[in-house]
Amino acid sequence: MTVTERLLQAVGREERAVLFTVIGGDGVGSHLLVLEGGERHGEGVPEELAGQAETLIREHRNQVLEADGVKVFAEIYAPPPRLLVYGAVDTAEALCAATRLLGWRTIVADARAKFTTRERIPSADELIVAWPEETLAQVAPDHATAIVVLTHDDKFDVPMLQAALATEAFYIGALGSRRNQERRRERLLEAGVDEEAFERISGPCGLDLGADSQPETALSILAEMLAVRAGREGGRLKTAKRRIHAEVD
């Protein structure tokens, strides 16, 4: 199977992969396709670069790399990231509507069937009526999944956050006041969550944008998710020290 054939197959199957293309040095035009898990097709790319495939896939950013005098363009192929919202409240709809503009997939779950309806949450790609543990078992969050908890109810929040911390989700957020966050923290400690694990929880979630309405709150949360995924602080660009965009020469 050629590199192109396997790449088309991977795209059709929604598999994650990185396509290395040599753009400078020996072997210009050579291609190497590396799939998540290690499967390879093609040649001509230094092992020092090919060995970074898993990390590149997780970072999900196209970039130019160089080793042994060979310059390579690494292009990532993957299905869209997913957002799992637990709590079918009005903010969940605002968050799904905003997130869909990025092309991400949105899932809203809640144990309360009367709230988890298409009429109330029309922007979600998927609705799930289930308790937290059942939801996570069905969704199986991975490193390309963000989780936001909106319920303000310990019987939902605590088990959802505890189970979320056991996943590879790149973002875990919980809405609520600082007082609510401290209460959740105490409940999670009582449930056996390690103190260090709390660093993964963004609570209160969102960036400090002065958000007031539900759409503004959704924008604040989404902005923080994007910043976390990109490894950025989420501050103002005019004061940022790093490049505005990823470097692609």
C-alpha atoms as a PDB file:
ATOM      1  CA  MET A   1       0.000   0.000   0.000  1.00  0.00           C
ATOM      2  CA  THR A   2       1.358   3.411  -0.945  1.00  0.00           C
ATOM      3  CA  VAL A   3       1.681   6.328   1.429  1.00  0.00           C
ATOM      4  CA  THR A   4      -1.191   8.129  -0.299  1.00  0.00           C
ATOM      5  CA  GLU A   5      -3.468   5.087  -0.170  1.00  0.00           C
ATOM      6  CA  ARG A   6      -2.823   4.513   3.512  1.00  0.00           C
ATOM      7  CA  LEU A   7      -3.291   8.206   4.287  1.00  0.00           C
ATOM      8  CA  LEU A   8      -6.665   8.251   2.542  1.00  0.00           C
ATOM      9  CA  GLN A   9      -7.615   5.124   4.438  1.00  0.00           C
ATOM     10  CA  ALA A  10      -6.558   6.704   7.732  1.00  0.00           C
ATOM     11  CA  VAL A  11      -8.609   9.823   7.032  1.00  0.00           C
ATOM     12  CA  GLY A  12     -11.642   7.701   6.183  1.00  0.00           C
ATOM     13  CA  ARG A  13     -11.266   5.700   9.364  1.00  0.00           C
ATOM     14  CA  GLU A  14     -10.640   8.826  11.461  1.00  0.00           C
ATOM     15  CA  GLU A  15      -7.242   7.524  12.561  1.00  0.00           C
ATOM     16  CA  ARG A  16      -4.560   9.888  13.810  1.00  0.00           C
ATOM     17  CA  ALA A  17      -1.345  10.184  11.828  1.00  0.00           C
ATOM     18  CA  VAL A  18       1.498  12.487  10.863  1.00  0.00           C
ATOM     19  CA  LEU A  19       2.739  12.816   7.298  1.00  0.00           C
ATOM     20  CA  PHE A  20       6.400  13.806   7.069  1.00  0.00           C
ATOM     21  CA  THR A  21       7.472  15.426   3.795  1.00  0.00           C
ATOM     22  CA  VAL A  22      11.123  16.230   3.109  1.00  0.00           C
ATOM     23  CA  ILE A  23      11.338  19.837   1.918  1.00  0.00           C
ATOM     24  CA  GLY A  24      15.079  20.449   2.221  1.00  0.00           C
ATOM     25  CA  GLY A  25      18.312  18.470   2.084  1.00  0.00           C
ATOM     26  CA  ASP A  26      18.699  14.910   0.820  1.00  0.00           C
ATOM     27  CA  GLY A  27      15.587  13.196  -0.445  1.00  0.00           C
ATOM     28  CA  VAL A  28      13.437  16.244  -1.150  1.00  0.00           C
ATOM     29  CA  GLY A  29       9.888  15.074  -1.914  1.00  0.00           C
ATOM     30  CA  SER A  30      10.137  11.886   0.133  1.00  0.00           C
ATOM     31  CA  HIS A  31       7.182  11.008   2.364  1.00  0.00           C
ATOM     32  CA  LEU A  32       6.829   9.029   5.563  1.00  0.00           C
ATOM     33  CA  LEU A  33       3.426   8.375   7.128  1.00  0.00           C
ATOM     34  CA  VAL A  34       3.398   7.385  10.806  1.00  0.00           C
ATOM     35  CA  LEU A  35       0.115   6.435  12.433  1.00  0.00           C
ATOM     36  CA  GLU A  36      -0.719   6.680  16.101  1.00  0.00           C
ATOM     37  CA  GLY A  37       0.527   3.414  17.504  1.00  0.00           C
ATOM     38  CA  GLY A  38       3.608   3.252  15.295  1.00  0.00           C
ATOM     39  CA  GLU A  39       2.516   1.878  11.904  1.00  0.00           C
ATOM     40  CA  ARG A  40       4.747   3.336   9.153  1.00  0.00           C
ATOM     41  CA  HIS A  41       4.619   3.739   5.374  1.00  0.00           C
ATOM     42  CA  GLY A  42       7.317   5.394   3.263  1.00  0.00           C
ATOM     43  CA  GLU A  43      10.907   6.375   3.932  1.00  0.00           C
ATOM     44  CA  GLY A  44      13.534   9.105   3.653  1.00  0.00           C
ATOM     45  CA  VAL A  45      12.937  10.847   7.006  1.00  0.00           C
ATOM     46  CA  PRO A  46      15.615  10.826   9.737  1.00  0.00           C
ATOM     47  CA  GLU A  47      14.698   8.553  12.638  1.00  0.00           C
ATOM     48  CA  GLU A  48      15.266  11.431  15.028  1.00  0.00           C
ATOM     49  CA  LEU A  49      12.229  13.119  13.490  1.00  0.00           C
ATOM     50  CA  ALA A  50      10.120  10.047  12.746  1.00  0.00           C
ATOM     51  CA  GLY A  51      10.463   9.044  16.385  1.00  0.00           C
ATOM     52  CA  GLN A  52       8.638  12.206  17.419  1.00  0.00           C
ATOM     53  CA  ALA A  53       5.416  11.113  15.719  1.00  0.00           C
ATOM     54  CA  GLU A  54       3.434  10.310  18.866  1.00  0.00           C
ATOM     55  CA  THR A  55       4.333  13.632  20.465  1.00  0.00           C
ATOM     56  CA  LEU A  56       3.511  15.549  17.286  1.00  0.00           C
ATOM     57  CA  ILE A  57       0.122  13.852  17.022  1.00  0.00           C
ATOM     58  CA  ARG A  58      -0.688  14.772  20.610  1.00  0.00           C
ATOM     59  CA  GLU A  59       0.383  18.379  20.051  1.00  0.00           C
ATOM     60  CA  HIS A  60      -1.763  18.442  16.890  1.00  0.00           C
ATOM     61  CA  ARG A  61       0.182  21.247  15.213  1.00  0.00           C
ATOM     62  CA  ASN A  62       1.775  21.250  11.778  1.00  0.00           C
ATOM     63  CA  GLN A  63       5.393  22.331  11.956  1.00  0.00           C
ATOM     64  CA  VAL A  64       8.765  22.311  10.266  1.00  0.00           C
ATOM     65  CA  LEU A  65      11.476  20.126  11.816  1.00  0.00           C
ATOM     66  CA  GLU A  66      15.124  19.614  10.971  1.00  0.00           C
ATOM     67  CA  ALA A  67      17.740  16.944  11.724  1.00  0.00           C
ATOM     68  CA  ASP A  68      20.944  15.760  10.047  1.00  0.00           C
ATOM     69  CA  GLY A  69      20.678  18.545   7.478  1.00  0.00           C
ATOM     70  CA  VAL A  70      17.219  17.397   6.390  1.00  0.00           C
ATOM     71  CA  LYS A  71      14.262  19.759   6.718  1.00  0.00           C
ATOM     72  CA  VAL A  72      10.848  18.124   7.046  1.00  0.00           C
ATOM     73  CA  PHE A  73       7.280  19.401   7.149  1.00  0.00           C
ATOM     74  CA  ALA A  74       5.169  17.439   9.648  1.00  0.00           C
ATOM     75  CA  GLU A  75       1.460  17.566   8.815  1.00  0.00           C
ATOM     76  CA  ILE A  76      -1.063  16.173  11.289  1.00  0.00           C
ATOM     77  CA  TYR A  77      -4.202  14.273  10.268  1.00  0.00           C
ATOM     78  CA  ALA A  78      -6.795  13.515  12.924  1.00  0.00           C
ATOM     79  CA  PRO A  79     -10.520  13.650  13.625  1.00  0.00           C
ATOM     80  CA  PRO A  80     -11.756  16.859  15.305  1.00  0.00           C
ATOM     81  CA  PRO A  81     -11.212  17.294  19.035  1.00  0.00           C
ATOM     82  CA  ARG A  82     -14.201  16.529  21.247  1.00  0.00           C
ATOM     83  CA  LEU A  83     -15.876  18.534  23.977  1.00  0.00           C
ATOM     84  CA  LEU A  84     -17.812  16.613  26.620  1.00  0.00           C
ATOM     85  CA  VAL A  85     -20.097  18.792  28.728  1.00  0.00           C
ATOM     86  CA  TYR A  86     -21.695  17.252  31.788  1.00  0.00           C
ATOM     87  CA  GLY A  87     -24.788  19.160  32.814  1.00  0.00           C
ATOM     88  CA  ALA A  88     -27.540  19.957  30.312  1.00  0.00           C
ATOM     89  CA  VAL A  89     -27.956  23.559  31.432  1.00  0.00           C
ATOM     90  CA  ASP A  90     -28.261  26.708  29.322  1.00  0.00           C
ATOM     91  CA  THR A  91     -24.515  27.320  29.402  1.00  0.00           C
ATOM     92  CA  ALA A  92     -24.035  23.886  27.823  1.00  0.00           C
ATOM     93  CA  GLU A  93     -25.970  24.994  24.750  1.00  0.00           C
ATOM     94  CA  ALA A  94     -23.993  28.244  24.506  1.00  0.00           C
ATOM     95  CA  LEU A  95     -20.741  26.310  24.836  1.00  0.00           C
ATOM     96  CA  CYS A  96     -21.707  23.780  22.168  1.00  0.00           C
ATOM     97  CA  ALA A  97     -22.783  26.531  19.777  1.00  0.00           C
ATOM     98  CA  ALA A  98     -19.440  28.315  20.199  1.00  0.00           C
ATOM     99  CA  THR A  99     -17.360  25.138  19.994  1.00  0.00           C
ATOM    100  CA  ARG A 100     -19.015  23.923  16.798  1.00  0.00           C
ATOM    101  CA  LEU A 101     -17.676  27.022  15.040  1.00  0.00           C
ATOM    102  CA  LEU A 102     -14.227  25.453  15.461  1.00  0.00           C
ATOM    103  CA  GLY A 103     -15.375  22.213  13.875  1.00  0.00           C
ATOM    104  CA  TRP A 104     -15.076  20.296  17.128  1.00  0.00           C
ATOM    105  CA  ARG A 105     -17.538  17.566  18.086  1.00  0.00           C
ATOM    106  CA  THR A 106     -19.754  18.312  21.061  1.00  0.00           C
ATOM    107  CA  ILE A 107     -21.346  15.894  23.506  1.00  0.00           C
ATOM    108  CA  VAL A 108     -23.685  16.872  26.331  1.00  0.00           C
ATOM    109  CA  ALA A 109     -24.555  14.390  29.057  1.00  0.00           C
ATOM    110  CA  ASP A 110     -26.745  14.499  32.139  1.00  0.00           C
ATOM    111  CA  ALA A 111     -28.531  11.933  34.276  1.00  0.00           C
ATOM    112  CA  ARG A 112     -31.707  14.044  34.114  1.00  0.00           C
ATOM    113  CA  ALA A 113     -33.575  13.065  30.961  1.00  0.00           C
ATOM    114  CA  LYS A 114     -36.002  15.992  31.178  1.00  0.00           C
ATOM    115  CA  PHE A 115     -33.102  18.411  30.686  1.00  0.00           C
ATOM    116  CA  THR A 116     -31.137  16.425  28.118  1.00  0.00           C
ATOM    117  CA  THR A 117     -33.307  17.092  25.090  1.00  0.00           C
ATOM    118  CA  ARG A 118     -32.701  18.256  21.541  1.00  0.00           C
ATOM    119  CA  GLU A 119     -35.072  21.187  22.132  1.00  0.00           C
ATOM    120  CA  ARG A 120     -32.916  22.507  24.970  1.00  0.00           C
ATOM    121  CA  ILE A 121     -29.489  21.619  23.528  1.00  0.00           C
ATOM    122  CA  PRO A 122     -29.859  21.829  19.723  1.00  0.00           C
ATOM    123  CA  SER A 123     -26.156  22.514  19.044  1.00  0.00           C
ATOM    124  CA  ALA A 124     -24.805  19.301  20.591  1.00  0.00           C
ATOM    125  CA  ASP A 125     -23.706  16.615  18.161  1.00  0.00           C
ATOM    126  CA  GLU A 126     -24.660  13.964  20.696  1.00  0.00           C
ATOM    127  CA  LEU A 127     -26.828  13.807  23.810  1.00  0.00           C
ATOM    128  CA  ILE A 128     -26.341  11.172  26.492  1.00  0.00           C
ATOM    129  CA  VAL A 129     -28.631  10.465  29.423  1.00  0.00           C
ATOM    130  CA  ALA A 130     -26.389   8.759  31.954  1.00  0.00           C
ATOM    131  CA  TRP A 131     -24.634   9.149  35.277  1.00  0.00           C
ATOM    132  CA  PRO A 132     -21.020  10.358  35.233  1.00  0.00           C
ATOM    133  CA  GLU A 133     -19.262   6.981  35.296  1.00  0.00           C
ATOM    134  CA  GLU A 134     -21.551   5.592  32.586  1.00  0.00           C
ATOM    135  CA  THR A 135     -20.982   8.716  30.477  1.00  0.00           C
ATOM    136  CA  LEU A 136     -17.208   8.419  30.595  1.00  0.00           C
ATOM    137  CA  ALA A 137     -17.347   4.707  29.841  1.00  0.00           C
ATOM    138  CA  GLN A 138     -19.386   5.491  26.719  1.00  0.00           C
ATOM    139  CA  VAL A 139     -17.370   8.512  25.533  1.00  0.00           C
ATOM    140  CA  ALA A 140     -13.912   7.135  26.466  1.00  0.00           C
ATOM    141  CA  PRO A 141     -12.139  10.538  26.624  1.00  0.00           C
ATOM    142  CA  ASP A 142      -8.644  10.605  25.133  1.00  0.00           C
ATOM    143  CA  HIS A 143      -5.886  13.195  24.782  1.00  0.00           C
ATOM    144  CA  ALA A 144      -7.993  15.117  22.237  1.00  0.00           C
ATOM    145  CA  THR A 145     -11.010  15.473  24.535  1.00  0.00           C
ATOM    146  CA  ALA A 146     -11.974  18.398  26.759  1.00  0.00           C
ATOM    147  CA  ILE A 147     -14.380  17.923  29.670  1.00  0.00           C
ATOM    148  CA  VAL A 148     -16.440  20.672  31.301  1.00  0.00           C
ATOM    149  CA  VAL A 149     -18.692  20.092  34.312  1.00  0.00           C
ATOM    150  CA  LEU A 150     -21.608  22.501  34.739  1.00  0.00           C
ATOM    151  CA  THR A 151     -24.023  20.846  37.167  1.00  0.00           C
ATOM    152  CA  HIS A 152     -23.317  22.666  40.479  1.00  0.00           C
ATOM    153  CA  ASP A 153     -24.441  19.508  42.279  1.00  0.00           C
ATOM    154  CA  ASP A 154     -22.022  17.369  44.277  1.00  0.00           C
ATOM    155  CA  LYS A 155     -23.742  14.118  43.394  1.00  0.00           C
ATOM    156  CA  PHE A 156     -22.849  14.786  39.760  1.00  0.00           C
ATOM    157  CA  ASP A 157     -19.768  17.022  40.015  1.00  0.00           C
ATOM    158  CA  VAL A 158     -17.707  14.905  42.380  1.00  0.00           C
ATOM    159  CA  PRO A 159     -17.954  11.539  40.572  1.00  0.00           C
ATOM    160  CA  MET A 160     -17.596  13.230  37.183  1.00  0.00           C
ATOM    161  CA  LEU A 161     -14.444  15.124  38.124  1.00  0.00           C
ATOM    162  CA  GLN A 162     -12.983  12.141  39.942  1.00  0.00           C
ATOM    163  CA  ALA A 163     -13.518   9.894  36.923  1.00  0.00           C
ATOM    164  CA  ALA A 164     -12.351  12.593  34.496  1.00  0.00           C
ATOM    165  CA  LEU A 165      -9.030  12.840  36.324  1.00  0.00           C
ATOM    166  CA  ALA A 166      -8.425   9.191  35.501  1.00  0.00           C
ATOM    167  CA  THR A 167      -8.613   9.945  31.752  1.00  0.00           C
ATOM    168  CA  GLU A 168      -6.158  11.605  29.339  1.00  0.00           C
ATOM    169  CA  ALA A 169      -8.494  14.549  28.706  1.00  0.00           C
ATOM    170  CA  PHE A 170      -6.361  17.580  27.832  1.00  0.00           C
ATOM    171  CA  TYR A 171      -8.711  19.931  29.702  1.00  0.00           C
ATOM    172  CA  ILE A 172     -10.959  19.446  32.734  1.00  0.00           C
ATOM    173  CA  GLY A 173     -13.032  22.438  33.786  1.00  0.00           C
ATOM    174  CA  ALA A 174     -15.677  23.033  36.421  1.00  0.00           C
ATOM    175  CA  LEU A 175     -18.016  26.031  36.476  1.00  0.00           C
ATOM    176  CA  GLY A 176     -18.839  27.768  39.740  1.00  0.00           C
ATOM    177  CA  SER A 177     -17.680  30.247  42.336  1.00  0.00           C
ATOM    178  CA  ARG A 178     -14.454  29.909  44.273  1.00  0.00           C
ATOM    179  CA  ARG A 179     -16.550  28.860  47.278  1.00  0.00           C
ATOM    180  CA  ASN A 180     -18.090  26.056  45.219  1.00  0.00           C
ATOM    181  CA  GLN A 181     -14.648  25.036  43.990  1.00  0.00           C
ATOM    182  CA  GLU A 182     -13.376  24.731  47.551  1.00  0.00           C
ATOM    183  CA  ARG A 183     -16.371  22.619  48.513  1.00  0.00           C
ATOM    184  CA  ARG A 184     -15.743  20.357  45.521  1.00  0.00           C
ATOM    185  CA  ARG A 185     -12.101  20.113  46.507  1.00  0.00           C
ATOM    186  CA  GLU A 186     -13.033  18.926  49.994  1.00  0.00           C
ATOM    187  CA  ARG A 187     -15.467  16.359  48.586  1.00  0.00           C
ATOM    188  CA  LEU A 188     -12.906  15.069  46.104  1.00  0.00           C
ATOM    189  CA  LEU A 189     -10.269  14.748  48.810  1.00  0.00           C
ATOM    190  CA  GLU A 190     -12.765  12.767  50.856  1.00  0.00           C
ATOM    191  CA  ALA A 191     -13.340  10.570  47.796  1.00  0.00           C
ATOM    192  CA  GLY A 192      -9.627   9.776  47.625  1.00  0.00           C
ATOM    193  CA  VAL A 193      -8.416  12.156  44.914  1.00  0.00           C
ATOM    194  CA  ASP A 194      -4.724  13.011  45.299  1.00  0.00           C
ATOM    195  CA  GLU A 195      -3.894  16.627  46.145  1.00  0.00           C
ATOM    196  CA  GLU A 196      -1.632  17.002  43.104  1.00  0.00           C
ATOM    197  CA  ALA A 197      -4.444  15.947  40.774  1.00  0.00           C
ATOM    198  CA  PHE A 198      -6.289  19.215  41.446  1.00  0.00           C
ATOM    199  CA  GLU A 199      -3.795  21.060  39.271  1.00  0.00           C
ATOM    200  CA  ARG A 200      -5.512  19.480  36.257  1.00  0.00           C
ATOM    201  CA  ILE A 201      -8.878  20.991  37.140  1.00  0.00           C
ATOM    202  CA  SER A 202      -9.604  24.499  35.867  1.00  0.00           C
ATOM    203  CA  GLY A 203     -12.005  25.821  38.428  1.00  0.00           C
ATOM    204  CA  PRO A 204     -13.522  28.286  38.145  1.00  0.00           C
ATOM    205  CA  CYS A 205     -13.072  27.477  34.457  1.00  0.00           C
ATOM    206  CA  GLY A 206     -12.501  30.094  31.804  1.00  0.00           C
ATOM    207  CA  LEU A 207     -10.290  33.118  31.189  1.00  0.00           C
ATOM    208  CA  ASP A 208     -10.766  36.435  32.954  1.00  0.00           C
ATOM    209  CA  LEU A 209     -12.684  38.229  30.185  1.00  0.00           C
ATOM    210  CA  GLY A 210     -15.278  39.895  32.372  1.00  0.00           C
ATOM    211  CA  ALA A 211     -17.875  37.441  31.046  1.00  0.00           C
ATOM    212  CA  ASP A 212     -21.429  37.998  32.247  1.00  0.00           C
ATOM    213  CA  SER A 213     -23.930  36.354  29.892  1.00  0.00           C
ATOM    214  CA  GLN A 214     -23.999  32.657  29.012  1.00  0.00           C
ATOM    215  CA  PRO A 215     -22.510  33.197  25.523  1.00  0.00           C
ATOM    216  CA  GLU A 216     -19.718  35.291  27.071  1.00  0.00           C
ATOM    217  CA  THR A 217     -19.102  32.602  29.682  1.00  0.00           C
ATOM    218  CA  ALA A 218     -18.950  29.984  26.934  1.00  0.00           C
ATOM    219  CA  LEU A 219     -16.406  32.098  25.033  1.00  0.00           C
ATOM    220  CA  SER A 220     -14.312  32.448  28.187  1.00  0.00           C
ATOM    221  CA  ILE A 221     -14.269  28.677  28.754  1.00  0.00           C
ATOM    222  CA  LEU A 222     -13.568  27.896  25.102  1.00  0.00           C
ATOM    223  CA  ALA A 223     -10.703  30.395  25.041  1.00  0.00           C
ATOM    224  CA  GLU A 224      -9.110  28.688  28.034  1.00  0.00           C
ATOM    225  CA  MET A 225      -9.497  25.276  26.399  1.00  0.00           C
ATOM    226  CA  LEU A 226      -7.711  26.517  23.291  1.00  0.00           C
ATOM    227  CA  ALA A 227      -4.923  28.067  25.344  1.00  0.00           C
ATOM    228  CA  VAL A 228      -4.399  24.905  27.392  1.00  0.00           C
ATOM    229  CA  ARG A 229      -4.334  22.731  24.282  1.00  0.00           C
ATOM    230  CA  ALA A 230      -1.738  25.001  22.691  1.00  0.00           C
ATOM    231  CA  GLY A 231       0.334  25.266  25.868  1.00  0.00           C
ATOM    232  CA  ARG A 232      -0.311  29.010  26.135  1.00  0.00           C
ATOM    233  CA  GLU A 233      -1.223  31.227  29.086  1.00  0.00           C
ATOM    234  CA  GLY A 234      -4.130  32.941  27.352  1.00  0.00           C
ATOM    235  CA  GLY A 235      -2.951  36.520  27.936  1.00  0.00           C
ATOM    236  CA  ARG A 236      -3.016  39.489  25.563  1.00  0.00           C
ATOM    237  CA  LEU A 237      -1.084  39.078  22.320  1.00  0.00           C
ATOM    238  CA  LYS A 238       0.353  42.597  22.561  1.00  0.00           C
ATOM    239  CA  THR A 239       2.272  41.550  25.680  1.00  0.00           C
ATOM    240  CA  ALA A 240       3.064  37.977  24.597  1.00  0.00           C
ATOM    241  CA  LYS A 241       6.711  36.986  24.225  1.00  0.00           C
ATOM    242  CA  ARG A 242       6.096  33.948  22.018  1.00  0.00           C
ATOM    243  CA  ARG A 243       5.241  33.827  18.318  1.00  0.00           C
ATOM    244  CA  ILE A 244       1.583  34.531  17.579  1.00  0.00           C
ATOM    245  CA  HIS A 245       1.334  31.507  15.265  1.00  0.00           C
ATOM    246  CA  ALA A 246       3.205  28.241  15.071  1.00  0.00           C
ATOM    247  CA  GLU A 247       6.324  28.601  12.940  1.00  0.00           C
ATOM    248  CA  VAL A 248       5.937  27.196   9.436  1.00  0.00           C
ATOM    249  CA  ASP A 249       8.626  28.351   7.017  1.00  0.00           C
END
